[in-house]
Every structure is written in C-alpha cells, then in structure tokens.
Amino acid sequence: MLFHKKLYLDDEISENKRKIIRKLKHNKLTLGVYVIVLSESDTDQLEIYPSYVLLQDIFKDNEMTVVGIASDLASSRELLVRMTEDCLKETGKASFKEYFNM
C-alpha cells in the first residue's frame, strides 16, 4: 500500500495521521477509517473502502495508492468532492491519475 504525497485527510484523521498510516501499512485492524484509492482499472476513478476490507487476502499483495483517508463514509464523500474540485482547478478535467501524477 502506497500513500500519495498529496494525501487528503479529514480533521479527525489528521490528528492521528501517523498512527493510522502505520496501522494501515502493517495490515492492522483500523475501525472507523475509510481509504480513498486510485482505481487499479483503466478508468480514471477513485474508490472508497472501509479499512477493514483491506485485511482480505485479495488486497495484501495489491500496490494500491491511497490518496485520502477519512473517519467515516460521509467524510470520505466530502474528501471526494474536495479532490474533484482541486483536480478540475488544476487539470481542467476530472483526470485523477493526471492530478496525482500517476
């Protein structure tokens, strides 16, 4: 799991950023945390996962890029809106892989 340098965080997560990232990197159960990742498919989309889903075997060898971390689903949606607005301002389109320099 990779964490992008333009990592978006909600207010609750930013208080414990290092601890939460460490838990996610080491596949520790992290309840009440949602991650936003760049899609692995050819589409230029973002995906939201509750962090406990990432403990499944299918995700363990996956080199997904985390671009946002939120404390609940509503906050993750707010981060998505903020990311989309920032992406549109910078690139003129909703090209997340371009925005995150992937």
C-alpha atoms as a PDB file:
ATOM      1  CA  MET A   1       0.000   0.000   0.000  1.00  0.00           C
ATOM      2  CA  LEU A   2       1.401   3.341  -1.070  1.00  0.00           C
ATOM      3  CA  PHE A   3       0.423   6.709   0.391  1.00  0.00           C
ATOM      4  CA  HIS A   4       0.492   9.609  -2.034  1.00  0.00           C
ATOM      5  CA  LYS A   5       2.289  12.816  -1.086  1.00  0.00           C
ATOM      6  CA  LYS A   6      -0.953  14.778  -1.816  1.00  0.00           C
ATOM      7  CA  LEU A   7      -2.785  12.746   0.812  1.00  0.00           C
ATOM      8  CA  TYR A   8      -6.185  14.206   1.693  1.00  0.00           C
ATOM      9  CA  LEU A   9      -7.312  13.809   5.308  1.00  0.00           C
ATOM     10  CA  ASP A  10     -10.389  14.844   7.239  1.00  0.00           C
ATOM     11  CA  ASP A  11      -9.976  16.736  10.532  1.00  0.00           C
ATOM     12  CA  GLU A  12     -10.305  13.674  12.780  1.00  0.00           C
ATOM     13  CA  ILE A  13      -7.739  11.662  10.842  1.00  0.00           C
ATOM     14  CA  SER A  14      -5.169  14.454  10.647  1.00  0.00           C
ATOM     15  CA  GLU A  15      -4.917  14.446  14.454  1.00  0.00           C
ATOM     16  CA  ASN A  16      -3.711  10.808  14.423  1.00  0.00           C
ATOM     17  CA  LYS A  17      -2.260  10.662  10.907  1.00  0.00           C
ATOM     18  CA  ARG A  18       0.982   8.821  11.672  1.00  0.00           C
ATOM     19  CA  LYS A  19      -0.655   6.212  13.902  1.00  0.00           C
ATOM     20  CA  ILE A  20      -3.392   5.467  11.367  1.00  0.00           C
ATOM     21  CA  ILE A  21      -0.998   5.242   8.424  1.00  0.00           C
ATOM     22  CA  ARG A  22       1.275   2.922  10.402  1.00  0.00           C
ATOM     23  CA  LYS A  23      -1.682   0.636  11.195  1.00  0.00           C
ATOM     24  CA  LEU A  24      -2.807   0.600   7.568  1.00  0.00           C
ATOM     25  CA  LYS A  25       0.720  -0.177   6.312  1.00  0.00           C
ATOM     26  CA  HIS A  26       1.047  -3.087   8.734  1.00  0.00           C
ATOM     27  CA  ASN A  27      -2.421  -4.514   7.988  1.00  0.00           C
ATOM     28  CA  LYS A  28      -3.717  -3.844  11.493  1.00  0.00           C
ATOM     29  CA  LEU A  29      -7.434  -3.584  12.141  1.00  0.00           C
ATOM     30  CA  THR A  30      -8.341   0.097  11.978  1.00  0.00           C
ATOM     31  CA  LEU A  31     -12.042   0.564  12.645  1.00  0.00           C
ATOM     32  CA  GLY A  32     -13.790   3.773  11.714  1.00  0.00           C
ATOM     33  CA  VAL A  33     -11.377   4.575   8.897  1.00  0.00           C
ATOM     34  CA  TYR A  34     -12.138   4.794   5.193  1.00  0.00           C
ATOM     35  CA  VAL A  35      -9.487   4.978   2.489  1.00  0.00           C
ATOM     36  CA  ILE A  36      -9.791   6.536  -0.944  1.00  0.00           C
ATOM     37  CA  VAL A  37      -7.589   4.903  -3.564  1.00  0.00           C
ATOM     38  CA  LEU A  38      -6.817   5.367  -7.229  1.00  0.00           C
ATOM     39  CA  SER A  39      -8.593   2.706  -9.245  1.00  0.00           C
ATOM     40  CA  GLU A  40      -6.389  -0.122 -10.496  1.00  0.00           C
ATOM     41  CA  SER A  41      -8.508  -0.383 -13.650  1.00  0.00           C
ATOM     42  CA  ASP A  42      -8.027   1.639 -16.815  1.00  0.00           C
ATOM     43  CA  THR A  43     -10.723   4.040 -15.691  1.00  0.00           C
ATOM     44  CA  ASP A  44      -9.723   7.290 -14.102  1.00  0.00           C
ATOM     45  CA  GLN A  45     -11.800   6.800 -10.977  1.00  0.00           C
ATOM     46  CA  LEU A  46     -11.360   6.799  -7.233  1.00  0.00           C
ATOM     47  CA  GLU A  47     -12.631   4.047  -4.960  1.00  0.00           C
ATOM     48  CA  ILE A  48     -13.666   4.173  -1.290  1.00  0.00           C
ATOM     49  CA  TYR A  49     -13.052   1.228   1.026  1.00  0.00           C
ATOM     50  CA  PRO A  50     -13.643   0.779   4.740  1.00  0.00           C
ATOM     51  CA  SER A  51     -10.183  -0.053   6.044  1.00  0.00           C
ATOM     52  CA  TYR A  52     -11.192  -3.443   7.444  1.00  0.00           C
ATOM     53  CA  VAL A  53     -11.880  -4.654   3.893  1.00  0.00           C
ATOM     54  CA  LEU A  54      -8.191  -4.196   3.102  1.00  0.00           C
ATOM     55  CA  LEU A  55      -7.361  -7.044   5.505  1.00  0.00           C
ATOM     56  CA  GLN A  56      -8.708  -9.549   2.980  1.00  0.00           C
ATOM     57  CA  ASP A  57      -6.118 -11.657   1.168  1.00  0.00           C
ATOM     58  CA  ILE A  58      -7.021 -10.178  -2.214  1.00  0.00           C
ATOM     59  CA  PHE A  59      -5.681  -6.779  -1.107  1.00  0.00           C
ATOM     60  CA  LYS A  60      -2.500  -7.911   0.667  1.00  0.00           C
ATOM     61  CA  ASP A  61      -0.265  -8.034  -2.423  1.00  0.00           C
ATOM     62  CA  ASN A  62      -2.042  -5.160  -4.126  1.00  0.00           C
ATOM     63  CA  GLU A  63       0.027  -1.995  -4.611  1.00  0.00           C
ATOM     64  CA  MET A  64      -2.891   0.396  -4.352  1.00  0.00           C
ATOM     65  CA  THR A  65      -2.232   4.093  -3.969  1.00  0.00           C
ATOM     66  CA  VAL A  66      -4.084   5.754  -1.109  1.00  0.00           C
ATOM     67  CA  VAL A  67      -4.931   9.390  -1.864  1.00  0.00           C
ATOM     68  CA  GLY A  68      -7.325  10.064   1.006  1.00  0.00           C
ATOM     69  CA  ILE A  69      -8.214   8.871   4.495  1.00  0.00           C
ATOM     70  CA  ALA A  70     -11.439   9.736   6.310  1.00  0.00           C
ATOM     71  CA  SER A  71     -13.056   8.891   9.628  1.00  0.00           C
ATOM     72  CA  ASP A  72     -16.433   7.871   8.171  1.00  0.00           C
ATOM     73  CA  LEU A  73     -18.258   7.409   4.886  1.00  0.00           C
ATOM     74  CA  ALA A  74     -19.755  10.908   4.883  1.00  0.00           C
ATOM     75  CA  SER A  75     -16.321  12.460   5.400  1.00  0.00           C
ATOM     76  CA  SER A  76     -14.851  10.311   2.636  1.00  0.00           C
ATOM     77  CA  ARG A  77     -17.515  11.636   0.271  1.00  0.00           C
ATOM     78  CA  GLU A  78     -16.662  15.203   1.307  1.00  0.00           C
ATOM     79  CA  LEU A  79     -12.997  14.477   0.572  1.00  0.00           C
ATOM     80  CA  LEU A  80     -14.002  13.137  -2.845  1.00  0.00           C
ATOM     81  CA  VAL A  81     -15.797  16.395  -3.604  1.00  0.00           C
ATOM     82  CA  ARG A  82     -12.744  18.390  -2.492  1.00  0.00           C
ATOM     83  CA  MET A  83     -10.415  16.212  -4.587  1.00  0.00           C
ATOM     84  CA  THR A  84     -12.647  16.594  -7.630  1.00  0.00           C
ATOM     85  CA  GLU A  85     -12.785  20.370  -7.249  1.00  0.00           C
ATOM     86  CA  ASP A  86      -8.993  20.586  -6.823  1.00  0.00           C
ATOM     87  CA  CYS A  87      -8.441  18.266  -9.786  1.00  0.00           C
ATOM     88  CA  LEU A  88     -10.737  20.336 -12.010  1.00  0.00           C
ATOM     89  CA  LYS A  89      -8.969  23.555 -10.977  1.00  0.00           C
ATOM     90  CA  GLU A  90      -5.519  22.149 -11.708  1.00  0.00           C
ATOM     91  CA  THR A  91      -6.099  19.983 -14.804  1.00  0.00           C
ATOM     92  CA  GLY A  92      -9.343  21.369 -16.234  1.00  0.00           C
ATOM     93  CA  LYS A  93     -10.855  17.883 -16.176  1.00  0.00           C
ATOM     94  CA  ALA A  94     -11.605  15.088 -13.728  1.00  0.00           C
ATOM     95  CA  SER A  95      -8.416  13.222 -14.525  1.00  0.00           C
ATOM     96  CA  PHE A  96      -7.377  11.893 -11.131  1.00  0.00           C
ATOM     97  CA  LYS A  97      -4.379   9.887 -12.348  1.00  0.00           C
ATOM     98  CA  GLU A  98      -3.031  13.006 -14.033  1.00  0.00           C
ATOM     99  CA  TYR A  99      -3.767  15.098 -10.954  1.00  0.00           C
ATOM    100  CA  PHE A 100      -1.970  12.661  -8.678  1.00  0.00           C
ATOM    101  CA  ASN A 101       0.856  12.357 -11.269  1.00  0.00           C
ATOM    102  CA  MET A 102       0.365   8.682 -11.910  1.00  0.00           C
END
